[in-house]
PDB file of N, CA and C in Angstrom:
ATOM      1  N   MET A   1      40.265 -31.607 -92.832  1.00  0.00           N
ATOM      2  CA  MET A   1      40.555 -32.288 -91.583  1.00  0.00           C
ATOM      3  C   MET A   1      40.224 -31.371 -90.417  1.00  0.00           C
ATOM      4  N   ALA A   2      39.500 -31.901 -89.444  1.00  0.00           N
ATOM      5  CA  ALA A   2      39.089 -31.103 -88.290  1.00  0.00           C
ATOM      6  C   ALA A   2      40.259 -30.875 -87.359  1.00  0.00           C
ATOM      7  N   LYS A   3      40.235 -29.714 -86.723  1.00  0.00           N
ATOM      8  CA  LYS A   3      41.273 -29.413 -85.733  1.00  0.00           C
ATOM      9  C   LYS A   3      41.020 -30.230 -84.484  1.00  0.00           C
ATOM     10  N   ARG A   4      42.075 -30.599 -83.822  1.00  0.00           N
ATOM     11  CA  ARG A   4      41.931 -31.372 -82.589  1.00  0.00           C
ATOM     12  C   ARG A   4      41.257 -30.548 -81.503  1.00  0.00           C
ATOM     13  N   GLY A   5      40.325 -31.182 -80.813  1.00  0.00           N
ATOM     14  CA  GLY A   5      39.687 -30.549 -79.666  1.00  0.00           C
ATOM     15  C   GLY A   5      38.654 -29.496 -80.040  1.00  0.00           C
ATOM     16  N   GLY A   6      38.345 -29.388 -81.302  1.00  0.00           N
ATOM     17  CA  GLY A   6      37.377 -28.366 -81.692  1.00  0.00           C
ATOM     18  C   GLY A   6      36.367 -28.916 -82.663  1.00  0.00           C
ATOM     19  N   PHE A   7      35.564 -28.044 -83.166  1.00  0.00           N
ATOM     20  CA  PHE A   7      34.561 -28.413 -84.146  1.00  0.00           C
ATOM     21  C   PHE A   7      34.943 -27.822 -85.487  1.00  0.00           C
ATOM     22  N   PRO A   8      34.646 -28.513 -86.574  1.00  0.00           N
ATOM     23  CA  PRO A   8      34.940 -27.951 -87.877  1.00  0.00           C
ATOM     24  C   PRO A   8      34.160 -26.652 -88.085  1.00  0.00           C
ATOM     25  N   GLY A   9      34.779 -25.695 -88.738  1.00  0.00           N
ATOM     26  CA  GLY A   9      34.092 -24.451 -89.045  1.00  0.00           C
ATOM     27  C   GLY A   9      34.151 -23.427 -87.930  1.00  0.00           C
ATOM     28  N   GLY A  10      34.978 -23.637 -86.940  1.00  0.00           N
ATOM     29  CA  GLY A  10      35.143 -22.633 -85.892  1.00  0.00           C
ATOM     30  C   GLY A  10      34.008 -22.572 -84.881  1.00  0.00           C
ATOM     31  N   MET A  11      33.370 -23.641 -84.612  1.00  0.00           N
ATOM     32  CA  MET A  11      32.230 -23.672 -83.694  1.00  0.00           C
ATOM     33  C   MET A  11      32.553 -23.133 -82.301  1.00  0.00           C
ATOM     34  N   PRO A  12      33.732 -23.399 -81.720  1.00  0.00           N
ATOM     35  CA  PRO A  12      33.988 -22.870 -80.372  1.00  0.00           C
ATOM     36  C   PRO A  12      33.879 -21.352 -80.303  1.00  0.00           C
ATOM     37  N   GLY A  13      34.365 -20.648 -81.307  1.00  0.00           N
ATOM     38  CA  GLY A  13      34.260 -19.191 -81.325  1.00  0.00           C
ATOM     39  C   GLY A  13      32.812 -18.744 -81.386  1.00  0.00           C
ATOM     40  N   ASN A  14      32.028 -19.426 -82.214  1.00  0.00           N
ATOM     41  CA  ASN A  14      30.610 -19.089 -82.314  1.00  0.00           C
ATOM     42  C   ASN A  14      29.895 -19.371 -80.997  1.00  0.00           C
ATOM     43  N   MET A  15      30.275 -20.443 -80.339  1.00  0.00           N
ATOM     44  CA  MET A  15      29.656 -20.788 -79.064  1.00  0.00           C
ATOM     45  C   MET A  15      30.003 -19.729 -78.023  1.00  0.00           C
ATOM     46  N   THR A  16      31.237 -19.250 -78.037  1.00  0.00           N
ATOM     47  CA  THR A  16      31.647 -18.203 -77.100  1.00  0.00           C
ATOM     48  C   THR A  16      30.820 -16.939 -77.332  1.00  0.00           C
ATOM     49  N   ASN A  17      30.659 -16.576 -78.590  1.00  0.00           N
ATOM     50  CA  ASN A  17      29.855 -15.391 -78.904  1.00  0.00           C
ATOM     51  C   ASN A  17      28.407 -15.591 -78.475  1.00  0.00           C
ATOM     52  N   LEU A  18      27.886 -16.777 -78.694  1.00  0.00           N
ATOM     53  CA  LEU A  18      26.512 -17.085 -78.300  1.00  0.00           C
ATOM     54  C   LEU A  18      26.359 -16.970 -76.782  1.00  0.00           C
ATOM     55  N   MET A  19      27.329 -17.472 -76.051  1.00  0.00           N
ATOM     56  CA  MET A  19      27.281 -17.392 -74.584  1.00  0.00           C
ATOM     57  C   MET A  19      27.352 -15.935 -74.116  1.00  0.00           C
ATOM     58  N   LYS A  20      28.195 -15.134 -74.763  1.00  0.00           N
ATOM     59  CA  LYS A  20      28.295 -13.715 -74.405  1.00  0.00           C
ATOM     60  C   LYS A  20      26.978 -13.002 -74.681  1.00  0.00           C
ATOM     61  N   GLN A  21      26.351 -13.322 -75.797  1.00  0.00           N
ATOM     62  CA  GLN A  21      25.061 -12.717 -76.131  1.00  0.00           C
ATOM     63  C   GLN A  21      23.997 -13.133 -75.118  1.00  0.00           C
ATOM     64  N   ALA A  22      24.013 -14.395 -74.727  1.00  0.00           N
ATOM     65  CA  ALA A  22      23.038 -14.887 -73.751  1.00  0.00           C
ATOM     66  C   ALA A  22      23.234 -14.193 -72.401  1.00  0.00           C
ATOM     67  N   GLN A  23      24.484 -14.000 -71.995  1.00  0.00           N
ATOM     68  CA  GLN A  23      24.758 -13.320 -70.728  1.00  0.00           C
ATOM     69  C   GLN A  23      24.324 -11.854 -70.797  1.00  0.00           C
ATOM     70  N   ARG A  24      24.569 -11.209 -71.934  1.00  0.00           N
ATOM     71  CA  ARG A  24      24.165  -9.814 -72.120  1.00  0.00           C
ATOM     72  C   ARG A  24      22.637  -9.711 -72.066  1.00  0.00           C
ATOM     73  N   MET A  25      21.959 -10.641 -72.734  1.00  0.00           N
ATOM     74  CA  MET A  25      20.499 -10.639 -72.735  1.00  0.00           C
ATOM     75  C   MET A  25      19.964 -10.881 -71.316  1.00  0.00           C
ATOM     76  N   GLN A  26      20.611 -11.764 -70.572  1.00  0.00           N
ATOM     77  CA  GLN A  26      20.185 -12.038 -69.207  1.00  0.00           C
ATOM     78  C   GLN A  26      20.318 -10.781 -68.349  1.00  0.00           C
ATOM     79  N   ARG A  27      21.424 -10.045 -68.483  1.00  0.00           N
ATOM     80  CA  ARG A  27      21.601  -8.799 -67.730  1.00  0.00           C
ATOM     81  C   ARG A  27      20.531  -7.780 -68.099  1.00  0.00           C
ATOM     82  N   GLN A  28      20.251  -7.675 -69.407  1.00  0.00           N
ATOM     83  CA  GLN A  28      19.229  -6.736 -69.859  1.00  0.00           C
ATOM     84  C   GLN A  28      17.859  -7.119 -69.320  1.00  0.00           C
ATOM     85  N   MET A  29      17.554  -8.407 -69.313  1.00  0.00           N
ATOM     86  CA  MET A  29      16.264  -8.866 -68.797  1.00  0.00           C
ATOM     87  C   MET A  29      16.147  -8.561 -67.306  1.00  0.00           C
ATOM     88  N   GLU A  30      17.231  -8.743 -66.561  1.00  0.00           N
ATOM     89  CA  GLU A  30      17.209  -8.438 -65.131  1.00  0.00           C
ATOM     90  C   GLU A  30      16.970  -6.952 -64.905  1.00  0.00           C
ATOM     91  N   GLU A  31      17.620  -6.099 -65.714  1.00  0.00           N
ATOM     92  CA  GLU A  31      17.433  -4.653 -65.601  1.00  0.00           C
ATOM     93  C   GLU A  31      16.000  -4.268 -65.930  1.00  0.00           C
ATOM     94  N   LYS A  32      15.475  -4.815 -67.023  1.00  0.00           N
ATOM     95  CA  LYS A  32      14.104  -4.500 -67.429  1.00  0.00           C
ATOM     96  C   LYS A  32      13.096  -4.999 -66.400  1.00  0.00           C
ATOM     97  N   THR A  33      13.344  -6.177 -65.846  1.00  0.00           N
ATOM     98  CA  THR A  33      12.451  -6.718 -64.825  1.00  0.00           C
ATOM     99  C   THR A  33      12.415  -5.791 -63.617  1.00  0.00           C
ATOM    100  N   LYS A  34      13.577  -5.292 -63.199  1.00  0.00           N
ATOM    101  CA  LYS A  34      13.629  -4.368 -62.069  1.00  0.00           C
ATOM    102  C   LYS A  34      12.874  -3.084 -62.390  1.00  0.00           C
ATOM    103  N   GLU A  35      13.054  -2.566 -63.614  1.00  0.00           N
ATOM    104  CA  GLU A  35      12.329  -1.359 -64.030  1.00  0.00           C
ATOM    105  C   GLU A  35      10.823  -1.599 -63.999  1.00  0.00           C
ATOM    106  N   LEU A  36      10.391  -2.744 -64.517  1.00  0.00           N
ATOM    107  CA  LEU A  36       8.961  -3.059 -64.542  1.00  0.00           C
ATOM    108  C   LEU A  36       8.395  -3.189 -63.130  1.00  0.00           C
ATOM    109  N   GLU A  37       9.170  -3.766 -62.219  1.00  0.00           N
ATOM    110  CA  GLU A  37       8.704  -3.943 -60.848  1.00  0.00           C
ATOM    111  C   GLU A  37       8.495  -2.602 -60.148  1.00  0.00           C
ATOM    112  N   GLU A  38       9.220  -1.570 -60.585  1.00  0.00           N
ATOM    113  CA  GLU A  38       9.110  -0.258 -59.958  1.00  0.00           C
ATOM    114  C   GLU A  38       7.975   0.584 -60.542  1.00  0.00           C
ATOM    115  N   LYS A  39       7.383   0.136 -61.643  1.00  0.00           N
ATOM    116  CA  LYS A  39       6.303   0.889 -62.272  1.00  0.00           C
ATOM    117  C   LYS A  39       4.990   0.682 -61.531  1.00  0.00           C
ATOM    118  N   GLU A  40       4.061   1.624 -61.774  1.00  0.00           N
ATOM    119  CA  GLU A  40       2.714   1.522 -61.220  1.00  0.00           C
ATOM    120  C   GLU A  40       1.715   1.590 -62.363  1.00  0.00           C
ATOM    121  N   TYR A  41       0.618   0.854 -62.223  1.00  0.00           N
ATOM    122  CA  TYR A  41      -0.431   0.787 -63.237  1.00  0.00           C
ATOM    123  C   TYR A  41      -1.763   1.063 -62.554  1.00  0.00           C
ATOM    124  N   THR A  42      -2.529   1.964 -63.134  1.00  0.00           N
ATOM    125  CA  THR A  42      -3.804   2.355 -62.548  1.00  0.00           C
ATOM    126  C   THR A  42      -4.922   2.096 -63.542  1.00  0.00           C
ATOM    127  N   ALA A  43      -6.048   1.614 -63.021  1.00  0.00           N
ATOM    128  CA  ALA A  43      -7.230   1.392 -63.853  1.00  0.00           C
ATOM    129  C   ALA A  43      -8.462   1.739 -63.024  1.00  0.00           C
ATOM    130  N   ALA A  44      -9.520   2.125 -63.736  1.00  0.00           N
ATOM    131  CA  ALA A  44     -10.769   2.503 -63.074  1.00  0.00           C
ATOM    132  C   ALA A  44     -11.910   1.637 -63.585  1.00  0.00           C
ATOM    133  N   ALA A  45     -12.953   1.571 -62.782  1.00  0.00           N
ATOM    134  CA  ALA A  45     -14.173   0.852 -63.160  1.00  0.00           C
ATOM    135  C   ALA A  45     -15.367   1.694 -62.711  1.00  0.00           C
ATOM    136  N   GLY A  46     -16.510   1.421 -63.315  1.00  0.00           N
ATOM    137  CA  GLY A  46     -17.720   2.142 -62.945  1.00  0.00           C
ATOM    138  C   GLY A  46     -17.628   3.617 -63.268  1.00  0.00           C
ATOM    139  N   GLY A  47     -17.018   3.945 -64.401  1.00  0.00           N
ATOM    140  CA  GLY A  47     -16.898   5.342 -64.790  1.00  0.00           C
ATOM    141  C   GLY A  47     -16.020   6.147 -63.850  1.00  0.00           C
ATOM    142  N   GLY A  48     -15.067   5.509 -63.213  1.00  0.00           N
ATOM    143  CA  GLY A  48     -14.158   6.189 -62.295  1.00  0.00           C
ATOM    144  C   GLY A  48     -14.595   6.106 -60.845  1.00  0.00           C
ATOM    145  N   ALA A  49     -15.657   5.370 -60.577  1.00  0.00           N
ATOM    146  CA  ALA A  49     -16.139   5.229 -59.200  1.00  0.00           C
ATOM    147  C   ALA A  49     -15.129   4.479 -58.332  1.00  0.00           C
ATOM    148  N   VAL A  50     -14.397   3.556 -58.951  1.00  0.00           N
ATOM    149  CA  VAL A  50     -13.371   2.791 -58.249  1.00  0.00           C
ATOM    150  C   VAL A  50     -12.084   2.861 -59.070  1.00  0.00           C
ATOM    151  N   THR A  51     -10.985   3.202 -58.400  1.00  0.00           N
ATOM    152  CA  THR A  51      -9.681   3.257 -59.057  1.00  0.00           C
ATOM    153  C   THR A  51      -8.710   2.396 -58.254  1.00  0.00           C
ATOM    154  N   VAL A  52      -7.988   1.535 -58.959  1.00  0.00           N
ATOM    155  CA  VAL A  52      -7.019   0.644 -58.311  1.00  0.00           C
ATOM    156  C   VAL A  52      -5.660   0.852 -58.954  1.00  0.00           C
ATOM    157  N   THR A  53      -4.635   0.913 -58.119  1.00  0.00           N
ATOM    158  CA  THR A  53      -3.256   1.025 -58.593  1.00  0.00           C
ATOM    159  C   THR A  53      -2.496  -0.205 -58.124  1.00  0.00           C
ATOM    160  N   VAL A  54      -1.770  -0.832 -59.068  1.00  0.00           N
ATOM    161  CA  VAL A  54      -0.956  -2.002 -58.751  1.00  0.00           C
ATOM    162  C   VAL A  54       0.485  -1.721 -59.139  1.00  0.00           C
ATOM    163  N   SER A  55       1.389  -2.484 -58.547  1.00  0.00           N
ATOM    164  CA  SER A  55       2.807  -2.362 -58.882  1.00  0.00           C
ATOM    165  C   SER A  55       3.181  -3.416 -59.909  1.00  0.00           C
ATOM    166  N   GLY A  56       4.363  -3.267 -60.467  1.00  0.00           N
ATOM    167  CA  GLY A  56       4.892  -4.261 -61.381  1.00  0.00           C
ATOM    168  C   GLY A  56       5.204  -5.573 -60.685  1.00  0.00           C
ATOM    169  N   LYS A  57       5.141  -5.574 -59.365  1.00  0.00           N
ATOM    170  CA  LYS A  57       5.337  -6.797 -58.589  1.00  0.00           C
ATOM    171  C   LYS A  57       4.015  -7.502 -58.325  1.00  0.00           C
ATOM    172  N   LYS A  58       2.956  -7.035 -58.996  1.00  0.00           N
ATOM    173  CA  LYS A  58       1.612  -7.613 -58.859  1.00  0.00           C
ATOM    174  C   LYS A  58       1.050  -7.427 -57.457  1.00  0.00           C
ATOM    175  N   GLU A  59       1.330  -6.276 -56.862  1.00  0.00           N
ATOM    176  CA  GLU A  59       0.801  -5.953 -55.544  1.00  0.00           C
ATOM    177  C   GLU A  59      -0.164  -4.784 -55.686  1.00  0.00           C
ATOM    178  N   ILE A  60      -1.301  -4.852 -55.013  1.00  0.00           N
ATOM    179  CA  ILE A  60      -2.233  -3.732 -55.017  1.00  0.00           C
ATOM    180  C   ILE A  60      -1.661  -2.662 -54.096  1.00  0.00           C
ATOM    181  N   LEU A  61      -1.472  -1.462 -54.648  1.00  0.00           N
ATOM    182  CA  LEU A  61      -0.901  -0.365 -53.884  1.00  0.00           C
ATOM    183  C   LEU A  61      -1.980   0.530 -53.283  1.00  0.00           C
ATOM    184  N   SER A  62      -3.066   0.735 -54.031  1.00  0.00           N
ATOM    185  CA  SER A  62      -4.130   1.582 -53.492  1.00  0.00           C
ATOM    186  C   SER A  62      -5.463   1.264 -54.154  1.00  0.00           C
ATOM    187  N   VAL A  63      -6.519   1.550 -53.419  1.00  0.00           N
ATOM    188  CA  VAL A  63      -7.887   1.453 -53.903  1.00  0.00           C
ATOM    189  C   VAL A  63      -8.561   2.760 -53.513  1.00  0.00           C
ATOM    190  N   LYS A  64      -9.098   3.469 -54.511  1.00  0.00           N
ATOM    191  CA  LYS A  64      -9.795   4.724 -54.240  1.00  0.00           C
ATOM    192  C   LYS A  64     -11.249   4.564 -54.643  1.00  0.00           C
ATOM    193  N   LEU A  65     -12.125   5.016 -53.757  1.00  0.00           N
ATOM    194  CA  LEU A  65     -13.563   4.904 -53.984  1.00  0.00           C
ATOM    195  C   LEU A  65     -14.177   6.298 -53.979  1.00  0.00           C
ATOM    196  N   SER A  66     -15.000   6.580 -54.963  1.00  0.00           N
ATOM    197  CA  SER A  66     -15.738   7.838 -54.927  1.00  0.00           C
ATOM    198  C   SER A  66     -16.908   7.650 -53.976  1.00  0.00           C
ATOM    199  N   PRO A  67     -17.336   8.703 -53.306  1.00  0.00           N
ATOM    200  CA  PRO A  67     -18.442   8.567 -52.357  1.00  0.00           C
ATOM    201  C   PRO A  67     -19.702   7.966 -52.985  1.00  0.00           C
ATOM    202  N   GLU A  68     -19.917   8.234 -54.280  1.00  0.00           N
ATOM    203  CA  GLU A  68     -21.097   7.695 -54.948  1.00  0.00           C
ATOM    204  C   GLU A  68     -21.062   6.171 -55.056  1.00  0.00           C
ATOM    205  N   ALA A  69     -19.847   5.604 -55.023  1.00  0.00           N
ATOM    206  CA  ALA A  69     -19.708   4.145 -55.164  1.00  0.00           C
ATOM    207  C   ALA A  69     -20.080   3.407 -53.885  1.00  0.00           C
ATOM    208  N   VAL A  70     -20.104   4.134 -52.777  1.00  0.00           N
ATOM    209  CA  VAL A  70     -20.345   3.495 -51.493  1.00  0.00           C
ATOM    210  C   VAL A  70     -21.838   3.556 -51.166  1.00  0.00           C
ATOM    211  N   ASP A  71     -22.509   2.474 -51.474  1.00  0.00           N
ATOM    212  CA  ASP A  71     -23.946   2.347 -51.195  1.00  0.00           C
ATOM    213  C   ASP A  71     -24.112   1.153 -50.257  1.00  0.00           C
ATOM    214  N   PRO A  72     -24.449   1.412 -48.992  1.00  0.00           N
ATOM    215  CA  PRO A  72     -24.565   0.306 -48.038  1.00  0.00           C
ATOM    216  C   PRO A  72     -25.603  -0.744 -48.445  1.00  0.00           C
ATOM    217  N   ASP A  73     -26.506  -0.372 -49.312  1.00  0.00           N
ATOM    218  CA  ASP A  73     -27.524  -1.327 -49.750  1.00  0.00           C
ATOM    219  C   ASP A  73     -27.072  -2.144 -50.963  1.00  0.00           C
ATOM    220  N   ASP A  74     -25.888  -1.806 -51.494  1.00  0.00           N
ATOM    221  CA  ASP A  74     -25.405  -2.528 -52.688  1.00  0.00           C
ATOM    222  C   ASP A  74     -23.892  -2.766 -52.593  1.00  0.00           C
ATOM    223  N   VAL A  75     -23.486  -3.445 -51.546  1.00  0.00           N
ATOM    224  CA  VAL A  75     -22.071  -3.745 -51.321  1.00  0.00           C
ATOM    225  C   VAL A  75     -21.529  -4.633 -52.437  1.00  0.00           C
ATOM    226  N   GLU A  76     -22.346  -5.519 -52.938  1.00  0.00           N
ATOM    227  CA  GLU A  76     -21.909  -6.436 -53.992  1.00  0.00           C
ATOM    228  C   GLU A  76     -21.434  -5.681 -55.241  1.00  0.00           C
ATOM    229  N   MET A  77     -22.114  -4.606 -55.605  1.00  0.00           N
ATOM    230  CA  MET A  77     -21.714  -3.803 -56.760  1.00  0.00           C
ATOM    231  C   MET A  77     -20.328  -3.200 -56.529  1.00  0.00           C
ATOM    232  N   LEU A  78     -20.085  -2.692 -55.345  1.00  0.00           N
ATOM    233  CA  LEU A  78     -18.788  -2.111 -55.015  1.00  0.00           C
ATOM    234  C   LEU A  78     -17.695  -3.172 -55.094  1.00  0.00           C
ATOM    235  N   GLU A  79     -17.976  -4.343 -54.571  1.00  0.00           N
ATOM    236  CA  GLU A  79     -17.006  -5.440 -54.639  1.00  0.00           C
ATOM    237  C   GLU A  79     -16.676  -5.781 -56.088  1.00  0.00           C
ATOM    238  N   ASP A  80     -17.692  -5.844 -56.933  1.00  0.00           N
ATOM    239  CA  ASP A  80     -17.482  -6.142 -58.356  1.00  0.00           C
ATOM    240  C   ASP A  80     -16.642  -5.067 -59.031  1.00  0.00           C
ATOM    241  N   LEU A  81     -16.878  -3.809 -58.694  1.00  0.00           N
ATOM    242  CA  LEU A  81     -16.114  -2.710 -59.286  1.00  0.00           C
ATOM    243  C   LEU A  81     -14.650  -2.772 -58.860  1.00  0.00           C
ATOM    244  N   ILE A  82     -14.405  -3.109 -57.615  1.00  0.00           N
ATOM    245  CA  ILE A  82     -13.023  -3.232 -57.129  1.00  0.00           C
ATOM    246  C   ILE A  82     -12.302  -4.349 -57.871  1.00  0.00           C
ATOM    247  N   VAL A  83     -12.962  -5.491 -58.003  1.00  0.00           N
ATOM    248  CA  VAL A  83     -12.360  -6.623 -58.720  1.00  0.00           C
ATOM    249  C   VAL A  83     -12.086  -6.238 -60.176  1.00  0.00           C
ATOM    250  N   ALA A  84     -13.047  -5.587 -60.822  1.00  0.00           N
ATOM    251  CA  ALA A  84     -12.869  -5.203 -62.228  1.00  0.00           C
ATOM    252  C   ALA A  84     -11.702  -4.228 -62.403  1.00  0.00           C
ATOM    253  N   ALA A  85     -11.609  -3.241 -61.532  1.00  0.00           N
ATOM    254  CA  ALA A  85     -10.522  -2.268 -61.628  1.00  0.00           C
ATOM    255  C   ALA A  85      -9.175  -2.926 -61.346  1.00  0.00           C
ATOM    256  N   ALA A  86      -9.120  -3.796 -60.344  1.00  0.00           N
ATOM    257  CA  ALA A  86      -7.863  -4.480 -60.017  1.00  0.00           C
ATOM    258  C   ALA A  86      -7.421  -5.374 -61.171  1.00  0.00           C
ATOM    259  N   ASN A  87      -8.355  -6.114 -61.749  1.00  0.00           N
ATOM    260  CA  ASN A  87      -8.007  -6.987 -62.873  1.00  0.00           C
ATOM    261  C   ASN A  87      -7.522  -6.185 -64.078  1.00  0.00           C
ATOM    262  N   GLU A  88      -8.144  -5.052 -64.347  1.00  0.00           N
ATOM    263  CA  GLU A  88      -7.725  -4.215 -65.475  1.00  0.00           C
ATOM    264  C   GLU A  88      -6.325  -3.636 -65.236  1.00  0.00           C
ATOM    265  N   ALA A  89      -6.039  -3.209 -64.017  1.00  0.00           N
ATOM    266  CA  ALA A  89      -4.709  -2.689 -63.699  1.00  0.00           C
ATOM    267  C   ALA A  89      -3.653  -3.788 -63.858  1.00  0.00           C
ATOM    268  N   LEU A  90      -3.967  -4.988 -63.397  1.00  0.00           N
ATOM    269  CA  LEU A  90      -3.037  -6.113 -63.549  1.00  0.00           C
ATOM    270  C   LEU A  90      -2.853  -6.464 -65.024  1.00  0.00           C
ATOM    271  N   HIS A  91      -3.926  -6.379 -65.794  1.00  0.00           N
ATOM    272  CA  HIS A  91      -3.843  -6.650 -67.226  1.00  0.00           C
ATOM    273  C   HIS A  91      -2.917  -5.636 -67.905  1.00  0.00           C
ATOM    274  N   LYS A  92      -3.017  -4.373 -67.542  1.00  0.00           N
ATOM    275  CA  LYS A  92      -2.126  -3.335 -68.090  1.00  0.00           C
ATOM    276  C   LYS A  92      -0.668  -3.662 -67.766  1.00  0.00           C
ATOM    277  N   MET A  93      -0.427  -4.084 -66.519  1.00  0.00           N
ATOM    278  CA  MET A  93       0.929  -4.422 -66.099  1.00  0.00           C
ATOM    279  C   MET A  93       1.464  -5.604 -66.900  1.00  0.00           C
ATOM    280  N   GLU A  94       0.643  -6.628 -67.103  1.00  0.00           N
ATOM    281  CA  GLU A  94       1.064  -7.809 -67.865  1.00  0.00           C
ATOM    282  C   GLU A  94       1.356  -7.456 -69.326  1.00  0.00           C
ATOM    283  N   GLU A  95       0.519  -6.621 -69.927  1.00  0.00           N
ATOM    284  CA  GLU A  95       0.744  -6.200 -71.315  1.00  0.00           C
ATOM    285  C   GLU A  95       2.048  -5.443 -71.455  1.00  0.00           C
ATOM    286  N   ASP A  96       2.323  -4.539 -70.502  1.00  0.00           N
ATOM    287  CA  ASP A  96       3.552  -3.763 -70.531  1.00  0.00           C
ATOM    288  C   ASP A  96       4.760  -4.677 -70.383  1.00  0.00           C
ATOM    289  N   SER A  97       4.675  -5.615 -69.458  1.00  0.00           N
ATOM    290  CA  SER A  97       5.759  -6.554 -69.228  1.00  0.00           C
ATOM    291  C   SER A  97       6.027  -7.402 -70.470  1.00  0.00           C
ATOM    292  N   ALA A  98       4.970  -7.925 -71.081  1.00  0.00           N
ATOM    293  CA  ALA A  98       5.119  -8.753 -72.280  1.00  0.00           C
ATOM    294  C   ALA A  98       5.716  -7.936 -73.423  1.00  0.00           C
ATOM    295  N   SER A  99       5.292  -6.696 -73.550  1.00  0.00           N
ATOM    296  CA  SER A  99       5.796  -5.830 -74.613  1.00  0.00           C
ATOM    297  C   SER A  99       7.288  -5.556 -74.433  1.00  0.00           C
ATOM    298  N   VAL A 100       7.697  -5.251 -73.206  1.00  0.00           N
ATOM    299  CA  VAL A 100       9.108  -4.962 -72.929  1.00  0.00           C
ATOM    300  C   VAL A 100       9.959  -6.203 -73.178  1.00  0.00           C
ATOM    301  N   MET A 101       9.501  -7.357 -72.736  1.00  0.00           N
ATOM    302  CA  MET A 101      10.278  -8.581 -72.925  1.00  0.00           C
ATOM    303  C   MET A 101      10.333  -8.988 -74.397  1.00  0.00           C
ATOM    304  N   ALA A 102       9.250  -8.796 -75.136  1.00  0.00           N
ATOM    305  CA  ALA A 102       9.253  -9.116 -76.564  1.00  0.00           C
ATOM    306  C   ALA A 102      10.225  -8.205 -77.297  1.00  0.00           C
ATOM    307  N   GLU A 103      10.269  -6.951 -76.883  1.00  0.00           N
ATOM    308  CA  GLU A 103      11.207  -5.996 -77.484  1.00  0.00           C
ATOM    309  C   GLU A 103      12.639  -6.428 -77.211  1.00  0.00           C
ATOM    310  N   LEU A 104      12.888  -6.873 -76.003  1.00  0.00           N
ATOM    311  CA  LEU A 104      14.228  -7.287 -75.596  1.00  0.00           C
ATOM    312  C   LEU A 104      14.678  -8.550 -76.312  1.00  0.00           C
ATOM    313  N   THR A 105      13.769  -9.522 -76.449  1.00  0.00           N
ATOM    314  CA  THR A 105      14.137 -10.803 -77.052  1.00  0.00           C
ATOM    315  C   THR A 105      13.904 -10.823 -78.560  1.00  0.00           C
ATOM    316  N   GLY A 106      13.411  -9.727 -79.089  1.00  0.00           N
ATOM    317  CA  GLY A 106      13.135  -9.684 -80.516  1.00  0.00           C
ATOM    318  C   GLY A 106      11.954 -10.555 -80.887  1.00  0.00           C
ATOM    319  N   GLY A 107      11.073 -10.829 -79.936  1.00  0.00           N
ATOM    320  CA  GLY A 107       9.884 -11.632 -80.204  1.00  0.00           C
ATOM    321  C   GLY A 107      10.194 -13.096 -80.421  1.00  0.00           C
ATOM    322  N   LEU A 108      11.307 -13.576 -79.878  1.00  0.00           N
ATOM    323  CA  LEU A 108      11.706 -14.959 -80.105  1.00  0.00           C
ATOM    324  C   LEU A 108      10.838 -15.971 -79.363  1.00  0.00           C
ATOM    325  N   GLY A 109      10.223 -15.573 -78.278  1.00  0.00           N
ATOM    326  CA  GLY A 109       9.361 -16.493 -77.547  1.00  0.00           C
ATOM    327  C   GLY A 109      10.097 -17.281 -76.499  1.00  0.00           C
ATOM    328  N   GLY A 110       9.416 -18.262 -75.925  1.00  0.00           N
ATOM    329  CA  GLY A 110       9.824 -19.104 -74.807  1.00  0.00           C
ATOM    330  C   GLY A 110      11.298 -19.276 -74.530  1.00  0.00           C
ATOM    331  N   LEU A 111      11.965 -20.112 -75.279  1.00  0.00           N
ATOM    332  CA  LEU A 111      13.376 -20.384 -75.024  1.00  0.00           C
ATOM    333  C   LEU A 111      14.265 -19.670 -76.029  1.00  0.00           C
ATOM    334  N   GLY A 112      13.895 -18.457 -76.381  1.00  0.00           N
ATOM    335  CA  GLY A 112      14.713 -17.712 -77.318  1.00  0.00           C
ATOM    336  C   GLY A 112      14.660 -18.275 -78.710  1.00  0.00           C
ATOM    337  N   GLY A 113      13.613 -18.984 -79.058  1.00  0.00           N
ATOM    338  CA  GLY A 113      13.465 -19.511 -80.397  1.00  0.00           C
ATOM    339  C   GLY A 113      14.285 -20.765 -80.658  1.00  0.00           C
ATOM    340  N   LEU A 114      14.780 -21.380 -79.603  1.00  0.00           N
ATOM    341  CA  LEU A 114      15.566 -22.604 -79.791  1.00  0.00           C
ATOM    342  C   LEU A 114      14.656 -23.758 -80.183  1.00  0.00           C
ATOM    343  N   PRO A 115      15.143 -24.662 -81.003  1.00  0.00           N
ATOM    344  CA  PRO A 115      14.289 -25.718 -81.557  1.00  0.00           C
ATOM    345  C   PRO A 115      14.005 -26.883 -80.628  1.00  0.00           C
ATOM    346  N   PHE A 116      14.261 -26.777 -79.350  1.00  0.00           N
ATOM    347  CA  PHE A 116      13.988 -27.900 -78.446  1.00  0.00           C
ATOM    348  C   PHE A 116      13.136 -27.465 -77.290  1.00  0.00           C
TER     349      PHE A 116
END
């Protein structure tokens, strides 16, 4: 016979534990997100001719150009190198973020592995 106001098998206690775990995971995710936002990621293109640094907030912090990269007759090449370096730096940041979150969630995916 089920207890009044509850679920058979002690479900309310399990639900409480589940909620506590979810709150703990949420706090950890907030901490990790803040840590990731404070990190910097640097990538180069053209053999180091262009170096771009981005933040974990997806903001470009700096662009460094070697004098050899600056050719007034080939501005398009310089533009391409800047884009390539910026994209690579952002890719590094995304990989790091995904790795940290997968570690935190145990690789559960989207909604924590819930079936809905």
